[in-house]
PDB file of N, CA and C in Angstrom:
ATOM      1  N   MET A   1      26.555  53.896  34.429  1.00  0.00           N
ATOM      2  CA  MET A   1      26.276  54.929  33.469  1.00  0.00           C
ATOM      3  C   MET A   1      27.552  55.743  33.228  1.00  0.00           C
ATOM      4  N   LEU A   2      27.754  56.127  32.004  1.00  0.00           N
ATOM      5  CA  LEU A   2      28.921  56.943  31.692  1.00  0.00           C
ATOM      6  C   LEU A   2      28.750  58.315  32.342  1.00  0.00           C
ATOM      7  N   PRO A   3      29.844  58.906  32.857  1.00  0.00           N
ATOM      8  CA  PRO A   3      29.741  60.180  33.558  1.00  0.00           C
ATOM      9  C   PRO A   3      29.245  61.312  32.664  1.00  0.00           C
ATOM     10  N   HIS A   4      29.636  61.327  31.413  1.00  0.00           N
ATOM     11  CA  HIS A   4      29.185  62.344  30.469  1.00  0.00           C
ATOM     12  C   HIS A   4      29.375  61.810  29.062  1.00  0.00           C
ATOM     13  N   MET A   5      28.729  62.424  28.129  1.00  0.00           N
ATOM     14  CA  MET A   5      28.883  62.006  26.742  1.00  0.00           C
ATOM     15  C   MET A   5      30.137  62.658  26.163  1.00  0.00           C
ATOM     16  N   PRO A   6      31.051  61.845  25.627  1.00  0.00           N
ATOM     17  CA  PRO A   6      32.269  62.408  25.032  1.00  0.00           C
ATOM     18  C   PRO A   6      31.928  63.329  23.865  1.00  0.00           C
ATOM     19  N   LYS A   7      32.719  64.367  23.703  1.00  0.00           N
ATOM     20  CA  LYS A   7      32.467  65.354  22.662  1.00  0.00           C
ATOM     21  C   LYS A   7      33.248  65.058  21.377  1.00  0.00           C
ATOM     22  N   THR A   8      34.332  64.331  21.477  1.00  0.00           N
ATOM     23  CA  THR A   8      35.141  64.029  20.303  1.00  0.00           C
ATOM     24  C   THR A   8      35.352  62.530  20.203  1.00  0.00           C
ATOM     25  N   THR A   9      35.749  62.086  19.024  1.00  0.00           N
ATOM     26  CA  THR A   9      36.046  60.670  18.823  1.00  0.00           C
ATOM     27  C   THR A   9      37.190  60.234  19.722  1.00  0.00           C
ATOM     28  N   ALA A  10      38.208  61.062  19.859  1.00  0.00           N
ATOM     29  CA  ALA A  10      39.355  60.718  20.712  1.00  0.00           C
ATOM     30  C   ALA A  10      38.921  60.580  22.168  1.00  0.00           C
ATOM     31  N   GLU A  11      38.052  61.472  22.611  1.00  0.00           N
ATOM     32  CA  GLU A  11      37.562  61.395  23.989  1.00  0.00           C
ATOM     33  C   GLU A  11      36.710  60.140  24.181  1.00  0.00           C
ATOM     34  N   ALA A  12      35.873  59.811  23.205  1.00  0.00           N
ATOM     35  CA  ALA A  12      35.044  58.614  23.281  1.00  0.00           C
ATOM     36  C   ALA A  12      35.919  57.364  23.331  1.00  0.00           C
ATOM     37  N   GLU A  13      36.969  57.347  22.533  1.00  0.00           N
ATOM     38  CA  GLU A  13      37.893  56.211  22.518  1.00  0.00           C
ATOM     39  C   GLU A  13      38.577  56.061  23.877  1.00  0.00           C
ATOM     40  N   GLN A  14      38.972  57.152  24.485  1.00  0.00           N
ATOM     41  CA  GLN A  14      39.620  57.092  25.799  1.00  0.00           C
ATOM     42  C   GLN A  14      38.645  56.581  26.858  1.00  0.00           C
ATOM     43  N   VAL A  15      37.401  57.039  26.814  1.00  0.00           N
ATOM     44  CA  VAL A  15      36.382  56.566  27.761  1.00  0.00           C
ATOM     45  C   VAL A  15      36.199  55.058  27.597  1.00  0.00           C
ATOM     46  N   ARG A  16      36.108  54.591  26.340  1.00  0.00           N
ATOM     47  CA  ARG A  16      35.948  53.157  26.065  1.00  0.00           C
ATOM     48  C   ARG A  16      37.135  52.361  26.607  1.00  0.00           C
ATOM     49  N   ARG A  17      38.349  52.836  26.352  1.00  0.00           N
ATOM     50  CA  ARG A  17      39.542  52.134  26.835  1.00  0.00           C
ATOM     51  C   ARG A  17      39.585  52.085  28.361  1.00  0.00           C
ATOM     52  N   ASP A  18      39.257  53.196  28.999  1.00  0.00           N
ATOM     53  CA  ASP A  18      39.253  53.238  30.465  1.00  0.00           C
ATOM     54  C   ASP A  18      38.233  52.276  31.038  1.00  0.00           C
ATOM     55  N   LEU A  19      37.058  52.226  30.433  1.00  0.00           N
ATOM     56  CA  LEU A  19      36.009  51.337  30.917  1.00  0.00           C
ATOM     57  C   LEU A  19      36.401  49.878  30.729  1.00  0.00           C
ATOM     58  N   ILE A  20      36.963  49.548  29.586  1.00  0.00           N
ATOM     59  CA  ILE A  20      37.387  48.163  29.356  1.00  0.00           C
ATOM     60  C   ILE A  20      38.485  47.786  30.346  1.00  0.00           C
ATOM     61  N   ARG A  21      39.454  48.684  30.582  1.00  0.00           N
ATOM     62  CA  ARG A  21      40.508  48.413  31.568  1.00  0.00           C
ATOM     63  C   ARG A  21      39.909  48.147  32.947  1.00  0.00           C
ATOM     64  N   GLU A  22      38.891  48.920  33.296  1.00  0.00           N
ATOM     65  CA  GLU A  22      38.230  48.778  34.595  1.00  0.00           C
ATOM     66  C   GLU A  22      37.489  47.439  34.696  1.00  0.00           C
ATOM     67  N   LEU A  23      36.911  46.980  33.584  1.00  0.00           N
ATOM     68  CA  LEU A  23      36.106  45.765  33.603  1.00  0.00           C
ATOM     69  C   LEU A  23      36.921  44.485  33.477  1.00  0.00           C
ATOM     70  N   LEU A  24      38.094  44.570  32.878  1.00  0.00           N
ATOM     71  CA  LEU A  24      38.909  43.373  32.682  1.00  0.00           C
ATOM     72  C   LEU A  24      39.784  43.101  33.902  1.00  0.00           C
ATOM     73  N   PRO A  25      40.172  41.848  34.076  1.00  0.00           N
ATOM     74  CA  PRO A  25      41.046  41.519  35.211  1.00  0.00           C
ATOM     75  C   PRO A  25      42.335  42.327  35.158  1.00  0.00           C
ATOM     76  N   SER A  26      42.822  42.718  36.325  1.00  0.00           N
ATOM     77  CA  SER A  26      44.003  43.583  36.369  1.00  0.00           C
ATOM     78  C   SER A  26      45.316  42.817  36.442  1.00  0.00           C
ATOM     79  N   ASP A  27      45.258  41.498  36.577  1.00  0.00           N
ATOM     80  CA  ASP A  27      46.509  40.750  36.676  1.00  0.00           C
ATOM     81  C   ASP A  27      47.149  40.574  35.294  1.00  0.00           C
ATOM     82  N   GLU A  28      48.265  39.922  35.254  1.00  0.00           N
ATOM     83  CA  GLU A  28      49.035  39.786  34.015  1.00  0.00           C
ATOM     84  C   GLU A  28      48.629  38.573  33.176  1.00  0.00           C
ATOM     85  N   HIS A  29      47.628  37.836  33.605  1.00  0.00           N
ATOM     86  CA  HIS A  29      47.202  36.656  32.851  1.00  0.00           C
ATOM     87  C   HIS A  29      46.453  37.092  31.593  1.00  0.00           C
ATOM     88  N   PRO A  30      46.582  36.304  30.540  1.00  0.00           N
ATOM     89  CA  PRO A  30      45.848  36.638  29.315  1.00  0.00           C
ATOM     90  C   PRO A  30      44.338  36.662  29.576  1.00  0.00           C
ATOM     91  N   VAL A  31      43.659  37.522  28.877  1.00  0.00           N
ATOM     92  CA  VAL A  31      42.218  37.636  29.008  1.00  0.00           C
ATOM     93  C   VAL A  31      41.568  36.626  28.065  1.00  0.00           C
ATOM     94  N   SER A  32      40.587  35.893  28.575  1.00  0.00           N
ATOM     95  CA  SER A  32      39.904  34.920  27.733  1.00  0.00           C
ATOM     96  C   SER A  32      38.916  35.633  26.819  1.00  0.00           C
ATOM     97  N   GLU A  33      38.506  34.943  25.794  1.00  0.00           N
ATOM     98  CA  GLU A  33      37.512  35.497  24.878  1.00  0.00           C
ATOM     99  C   GLU A  33      36.198  35.776  25.621  1.00  0.00           C
ATOM    100  N   GLU A  34      35.852  34.907  26.560  1.00  0.00           N
ATOM    101  CA  GLU A  34      34.625  35.091  27.337  1.00  0.00           C
ATOM    102  C   GLU A  34      34.706  36.347  28.201  1.00  0.00           C
ATOM    103  N   GLU A  35      35.865  36.599  28.820  1.00  0.00           N
ATOM    104  CA  GLU A  35      36.043  37.802  29.644  1.00  0.00           C
ATOM    105  C   GLU A  35      35.961  39.062  28.793  1.00  0.00           C
ATOM    106  N   LEU A  36      36.577  39.018  27.623  1.00  0.00           N
ATOM    107  CA  LEU A  36      36.548  40.165  26.731  1.00  0.00           C
ATOM    108  C   LEU A  36      35.126  40.423  26.239  1.00  0.00           C
ATOM    109  N   THR A  37      34.413  39.365  25.869  1.00  0.00           N
ATOM    110  CA  THR A  37      33.029  39.519  25.420  1.00  0.00           C
ATOM    111  C   THR A  37      32.159  40.093  26.534  1.00  0.00           C
ATOM    112  N   ALA A  38      32.326  39.590  27.752  1.00  0.00           N
ATOM    113  CA  ALA A  38      31.550  40.104  28.889  1.00  0.00           C
ATOM    114  C   ALA A  38      31.845  41.587  29.118  1.00  0.00           C
ATOM    115  N   ALA A  39      33.105  41.975  29.009  1.00  0.00           N
ATOM    116  CA  ALA A  39      33.474  43.382  29.188  1.00  0.00           C
ATOM    117  C   ALA A  39      32.857  44.239  28.083  1.00  0.00           C
ATOM    118  N   MET A  40      32.908  43.757  26.857  1.00  0.00           N
ATOM    119  CA  MET A  40      32.326  44.511  25.745  1.00  0.00           C
ATOM    120  C   MET A  40      30.814  44.647  25.905  1.00  0.00           C
ATOM    121  N   LEU A  41      30.146  43.586  26.356  1.00  0.00           N
ATOM    122  CA  LEU A  41      28.704  43.659  26.561  1.00  0.00           C
ATOM    123  C   LEU A  41      28.351  44.683  27.635  1.00  0.00           C
ATOM    124  N   GLU A  42      29.183  44.780  28.664  1.00  0.00           N
ATOM    125  CA  GLU A  42      28.957  45.785  29.700  1.00  0.00           C
ATOM    126  C   GLU A  42      29.170  47.187  29.141  1.00  0.00           C
ATOM    127  N   VAL A  43      30.173  47.356  28.311  1.00  0.00           N
ATOM    128  CA  VAL A  43      30.403  48.654  27.658  1.00  0.00           C
ATOM    129  C   VAL A  43      29.189  48.998  26.799  1.00  0.00           C
ATOM    130  N   PHE A  44      28.709  48.033  26.024  1.00  0.00           N
ATOM    131  CA  PHE A  44      27.530  48.268  25.184  1.00  0.00           C
ATOM    132  C   PHE A  44      26.322  48.650  26.042  1.00  0.00           C
ATOM    133  N   ARG A  45      26.126  47.946  27.157  1.00  0.00           N
ATOM    134  CA  ARG A  45      24.987  48.221  28.033  1.00  0.00           C
ATOM    135  C   ARG A  45      25.066  49.651  28.562  1.00  0.00           C
ATOM    136  N   GLN A  46      26.236  50.012  29.071  1.00  0.00           N
ATOM    137  CA  GLN A  46      26.402  51.348  29.645  1.00  0.00           C
ATOM    138  C   GLN A  46      26.271  52.447  28.590  1.00  0.00           C
ATOM    139  N   ALA A  47      26.655  52.139  27.372  1.00  0.00           N
ATOM    140  CA  ALA A  47      26.601  53.138  26.300  1.00  0.00           C
ATOM    141  C   ALA A  47      25.227  53.187  25.633  1.00  0.00           C
ATOM    142  N   GLY A  48      24.359  52.231  25.953  1.00  0.00           N
ATOM    143  CA  GLY A  48      23.056  52.194  25.302  1.00  0.00           C
ATOM    144  C   GLY A  48      23.141  51.807  23.839  1.00  0.00           C
ATOM    145  N   THR A  49      24.062  50.904  23.532  1.00  0.00           N
ATOM    146  CA  THR A  49      24.279  50.472  22.150  1.00  0.00           C
ATOM    147  C   THR A  49      23.024  49.777  21.614  1.00  0.00           C
ATOM    148  N   PRO A  50      22.616  50.096  20.394  1.00  0.00           N
ATOM    149  CA  PRO A  50      21.436  49.463  19.805  1.00  0.00           C
ATOM    150  C   PRO A  50      21.589  47.940  19.711  1.00  0.00           C
ATOM    151  N   GLY A  51      20.459  47.258  19.832  1.00  0.00           N
ATOM    152  CA  GLY A  51      20.450  45.793  19.826  1.00  0.00           C
ATOM    153  C   GLY A  51      21.029  45.172  18.576  1.00  0.00           C
ATOM    154  N   ASP A  52      20.842  45.798  17.415  1.00  0.00           N
ATOM    155  CA  ASP A  52      21.368  45.210  16.191  1.00  0.00           C
ATOM    156  C   ASP A  52      22.892  45.180  16.186  1.00  0.00           C
ATOM    157  N   ILE A  53      23.498  46.200  16.766  1.00  0.00           N
ATOM    158  CA  ILE A  53      24.965  46.247  16.830  1.00  0.00           C
ATOM    159  C   ILE A  53      25.482  45.178  17.788  1.00  0.00           C
ATOM    160  N   VAL A  54      24.826  45.029  18.930  1.00  0.00           N
ATOM    161  CA  VAL A  54      25.221  44.002  19.900  1.00  0.00           C
ATOM    162  C   VAL A  54      25.077  42.622  19.272  1.00  0.00           C
ATOM    163  N   HIS A  55      23.962  42.379  18.590  1.00  0.00           N
ATOM    164  CA  HIS A  55      23.730  41.086  17.938  1.00  0.00           C
ATOM    165  C   HIS A  55      24.825  40.794  16.909  1.00  0.00           C
ATOM    166  N   ALA A  56      25.118  41.785  16.068  1.00  0.00           N
ATOM    167  CA  ALA A  56      26.141  41.588  15.027  1.00  0.00           C
ATOM    168  C   ALA A  56      27.514  41.342  15.654  1.00  0.00           C
ATOM    169  N   PHE A  57      27.826  42.032  16.747  1.00  0.00           N
ATOM    170  CA  PHE A  57      29.093  41.807  17.446  1.00  0.00           C
ATOM    171  C   PHE A  57      29.160  40.362  17.946  1.00  0.00           C
ATOM    172  N   LEU A  58      28.099  39.900  18.589  1.00  0.00           N
ATOM    173  CA  LEU A  58      28.093  38.539  19.124  1.00  0.00           C
ATOM    174  C   LEU A  58      28.144  37.498  18.001  1.00  0.00           C
ATOM    175  N   LYS A  59      27.493  37.769  16.906  1.00  0.00           N
ATOM    176  CA  LYS A  59      27.428  36.832  15.786  1.00  0.00           C
ATOM    177  C   LYS A  59      28.754  36.754  15.024  1.00  0.00           C
ATOM    178  N   THR A  60      29.419  37.910  14.838  1.00  0.00           N
ATOM    179  CA  THR A  60      30.626  37.945  13.993  1.00  0.00           C
ATOM    180  C   THR A  60      31.933  38.001  14.769  1.00  0.00           C
ATOM    181  N   GLY A  61      31.854  38.428  16.036  1.00  0.00           N
ATOM    182  CA  GLY A  61      33.084  38.576  16.806  1.00  0.00           C
ATOM    183  C   GLY A  61      33.850  39.845  16.483  1.00  0.00           C
ATOM    184  N   ARG A  62      33.197  40.753  15.773  1.00  0.00           N
ATOM    185  CA  ARG A  62      33.861  42.026  15.448  1.00  0.00           C
ATOM    186  C   ARG A  62      32.881  43.167  15.617  1.00  0.00           C
ATOM    187  N   LEU A  63      33.426  44.350  15.717  1.00  0.00           N
ATOM    188  CA  LEU A  63      32.623  45.562  15.815  1.00  0.00           C
ATOM    189  C   LEU A  63      33.002  46.442  14.631  1.00  0.00           C
ATOM    190  N   VAL A  64      32.086  46.598  13.699  1.00  0.00           N
ATOM    191  CA  VAL A  64      32.359  47.361  12.484  1.00  0.00           C
ATOM    192  C   VAL A  64      31.907  48.803  12.692  1.00  0.00           C
ATOM    193  N   THR A  65      32.793  49.721  12.368  1.00  0.00           N
ATOM    194  CA  THR A  65      32.494  51.151  12.471  1.00  0.00           C
ATOM    195  C   THR A  65      32.911  51.833  11.170  1.00  0.00           C
ATOM    196  N   GLU A  66      32.525  53.092  11.034  1.00  0.00           N
ATOM    197  CA  GLU A  66      32.970  53.864   9.874  1.00  0.00           C
ATOM    198  C   GLU A  66      34.493  53.949   9.841  1.00  0.00           C
ATOM    199  N   ASP A  67      35.104  53.975  11.021  1.00  0.00           N
ATOM    200  CA  ASP A  67      36.560  54.130  11.102  1.00  0.00           C
ATOM    201  C   ASP A  67      37.333  52.862  10.746  1.00  0.00           C
ATOM    202  N   ASN A  68      36.699  51.679  10.887  1.00  0.00           N
ATOM    203  CA  ASN A  68      37.478  50.465  10.631  1.00  0.00           C
ATOM    204  C   ASN A  68      36.964  49.631   9.468  1.00  0.00           C
ATOM    205  N   GLN A  69      35.838  49.988   8.888  1.00  0.00           N
ATOM    206  CA  GLN A  69      35.266  49.136   7.849  1.00  0.00           C
ATOM    207  C   GLN A  69      36.175  48.981   6.626  1.00  0.00           C
ATOM    208  N   HIS A  70      37.008  49.969   6.362  1.00  0.00           N
ATOM    209  CA  HIS A  70      37.921  49.869   5.218  1.00  0.00           C
ATOM    210  C   HIS A  70      39.002  48.792   5.434  1.00  0.00           C
ATOM    211  N   LEU A  71      39.172  48.349   6.666  1.00  0.00           N
ATOM    212  CA  LEU A  71      40.172  47.323   6.982  1.00  0.00           C
ATOM    213  C   LEU A  71      39.638  45.906   6.783  1.00  0.00           C
ATOM    214  N   LEU A  72      38.340  45.786   6.570  1.00  0.00           N
ATOM    215  CA  LEU A  72      37.708  44.469   6.478  1.00  0.00           C
ATOM    216  C   LEU A  72      37.510  44.056   5.027  1.00  0.00           C
ATOM    217  N   SER A  73      37.493  42.746   4.817  1.00  0.00           N
ATOM    218  CA  SER A  73      37.254  42.225   3.470  1.00  0.00           C
ATOM    219  C   SER A  73      35.769  42.360   3.132  1.00  0.00           C
ATOM    220  N   GLU A  74      35.450  42.199   1.861  1.00  0.00           N
ATOM    221  CA  GLU A  74      34.046  42.234   1.440  1.00  0.00           C
ATOM    222  C   GLU A  74      33.262  41.123   2.136  1.00  0.00           C
ATOM    223  N   GLU A  75      33.893  39.981   2.315  1.00  0.00           N
ATOM    224  CA  GLU A  75      33.245  38.851   2.988  1.00  0.00           C
ATOM    225  C   GLU A  75      32.935  39.189   4.453  1.00  0.00           C
ATOM    226  N   GLU A  76      33.879  39.827   5.139  1.00  0.00           N
ATOM    227  CA  GLU A  76      33.663  40.211   6.535  1.00  0.00           C
ATOM    228  C   GLU A  76      32.552  41.258   6.661  1.00  0.00           C
ATOM    229  N   LEU A  77      32.539  42.217   5.745  1.00  0.00           N
ATOM    230  CA  LEU A  77      31.483  43.227   5.755  1.00  0.00           C
ATOM    231  C   LEU A  77      30.125  42.597   5.444  1.00  0.00           C
ATOM    232  N   ALA A  78      30.100  41.649   4.511  1.00  0.00           N
ATOM    233  CA  ALA A  78      28.855  40.962   4.171  1.00  0.00           C
ATOM    234  C   ALA A  78      28.342  40.164   5.371  1.00  0.00           C
ATOM    235  N   GLU A  79      29.262  39.546   6.115  1.00  0.00           N
ATOM    236  CA  GLU A  79      28.880  38.807   7.318  1.00  0.00           C
ATOM    237  C   GLU A  79      28.256  39.755   8.349  1.00  0.00           C
ATOM    238  N   TRP A  80      28.855  40.921   8.545  1.00  0.00           N
ATOM    239  CA  TRP A  80      28.334  41.931   9.470  1.00  0.00           C
ATOM    240  C   TRP A  80      26.937  42.388   9.019  1.00  0.00           C
ATOM    241  N   ASP A  81      26.810  42.722   7.736  1.00  0.00           N
ATOM    242  CA  ASP A  81      25.525  43.175   7.204  1.00  0.00           C
ATOM    243  C   ASP A  81      24.456  42.094   7.351  1.00  0.00           C
ATOM    244  N   ALA A  82      24.839  40.837   7.122  1.00  0.00           N
ATOM    245  CA  ALA A  82      23.888  39.725   7.266  1.00  0.00           C
ATOM    246  C   ALA A  82      23.425  39.590   8.715  1.00  0.00           C
ATOM    247  N   ALA A  83      24.326  39.795   9.665  1.00  0.00           N
ATOM    248  CA  ALA A  83      23.956  39.722  11.084  1.00  0.00           C
ATOM    249  C   ALA A  83      22.997  40.846  11.448  1.00  0.00           C
ATOM    250  N   LEU A  84      23.220  42.047  10.918  1.00  0.00           N
ATOM    251  CA  LEU A  84      22.292  43.156  11.154  1.00  0.00           C
ATOM    252  C   LEU A  84      20.925  42.839  10.561  1.00  0.00           C
ATOM    253  N   ALA A  85      20.919  42.326   9.330  1.00  0.00           N
ATOM    254  CA  ALA A  85      19.659  41.990   8.660  1.00  0.00           C
ATOM    255  C   ALA A  85      18.922  40.883   9.417  1.00  0.00           C
ATOM    256  N   GLU A  86      19.666  39.912   9.920  1.00  0.00           N
ATOM    257  CA  GLU A  86      19.066  38.819  10.696  1.00  0.00           C
ATOM    258  C   GLU A  86      18.361  39.371  11.940  1.00  0.00           C
ATOM    259  N   TYR A  87      19.016  40.290  12.620  1.00  0.00           N
ATOM    260  CA  TYR A  87      18.429  40.899  13.811  1.00  0.00           C
ATOM    261  C   TYR A  87      17.118  41.604  13.448  1.00  0.00           C
ATOM    262  N   HIS A  88      17.152  42.418  12.400  1.00  0.00           N
ATOM    263  CA  HIS A  88      15.969  43.191  12.021  1.00  0.00           C
ATOM    264  C   HIS A  88      14.851  42.286  11.499  1.00  0.00           C
ATOM    265  N   ALA A  89      15.197  41.218  10.787  1.00  0.00           N
ATOM    266  CA  ALA A  89      14.180  40.269  10.322  1.00  0.00           C
ATOM    267  C   ALA A  89      13.509  39.587  11.511  1.00  0.00           C
ATOM    268  N   GLY A  90      14.281  39.233  12.506  1.00  0.00           N
ATOM    269  CA  GLY A  90      13.725  38.617  13.711  1.00  0.00           C
ATOM    270  C   GLY A  90      12.795  39.566  14.446  1.00  0.00           C
ATOM    271  N   ARG A  91      13.153  40.836  14.501  1.00  0.00           N
ATOM    272  CA  ARG A  91      12.300  41.830  15.167  1.00  0.00           C
ATOM    273  C   ARG A  91      10.985  42.000  14.399  1.00  0.00           C
ATOM    274  N   ARG A  92      11.059  42.030  13.060  1.00  0.00           N
ATOM    275  CA  ARG A  92       9.836  42.165  12.256  1.00  0.00           C
ATOM    276  C   ARG A  92       8.939  40.945  12.443  1.00  0.00           C
ATOM    277  N   ALA A  93       9.541  39.762  12.477  1.00  0.00           N
ATOM    278  CA  ALA A  93       8.767  38.531  12.656  1.00  0.00           C
ATOM    279  C   ALA A  93       8.086  38.517  14.022  1.00  0.00           C
ATOM    280  N   ARG A  94       8.762  38.956  15.055  1.00  0.00           N
ATOM    281  CA  ARG A  94       8.164  38.993  16.385  1.00  0.00           C
ATOM    282  C   ARG A  94       7.017  39.983  16.437  1.00  0.00           C
ATOM    283  N   ARG A  95       7.152  41.134  15.768  1.00  0.00           N
ATOM    284  CA  ARG A  95       6.075  42.122  15.751  1.00  0.00           C
ATOM    285  C   ARG A  95       4.845  41.568  15.049  1.00  0.00           C
ATOM    286  N   ARG A  96       5.035  40.862  13.919  1.00  0.00           N
ATOM    287  CA  ARG A  96       3.903  40.278  13.197  1.00  0.00           C
ATOM    288  C   ARG A  96       3.226  39.217  14.048  1.00  0.00           C
ATOM    289  N   TRP A  97       3.994  38.429  14.773  1.00  0.00           N
ATOM    290  CA  TRP A  97       3.448  37.337  15.571  1.00  0.00           C
ATOM    291  C   TRP A  97       2.574  37.882  16.697  1.00  0.00           C
ATOM    292  N   ARG A  98       2.926  39.017  17.269  1.00  0.00           N
ATOM    293  CA  ARG A  98       2.186  39.589  18.387  1.00  0.00           C
ATOM    294  C   ARG A  98       0.832  40.168  17.985  1.00  0.00           C
ATOM    295  N   ARG A  99       0.652  40.479  16.723  1.00  0.00           N
ATOM    296  CA  ARG A  99      -0.601  41.134  16.276  1.00  0.00           C
ATOM    297  C   ARG A  99      -1.782  40.221  16.363  1.00  0.00           C
TER     298      ARG A  99
END
C-alpha cells in the first residue's frame, strides 16, 4: 500500500518512479518487457487503478493520461479508446449473463 496519497502531480510522479525503481531489478542488465509489465501491474495494484485502465495498458502497451495524450497519434488514441470500450462491453456482457 502506498504510504500516503500524493498531493501534487510532481509528488505522484516521484512516488511512481520510486516504486518502479524498487520493483525492478537493481543490476545494470536491461529490463525485459515482462519485468516492466510486472512492475507496472504491481504499481497499478498498489494504486488501486481501475480495471479498464489496466486492461487498456495490457492491450496497447501504453498508458494514456491527460498529460501525454497530445503526444499520441489519432490511431494510438483510437486503439486506447477501443481497449477501454472492449473492457466495458465485456463487463456489461458478464452482468447480463449472470441475471
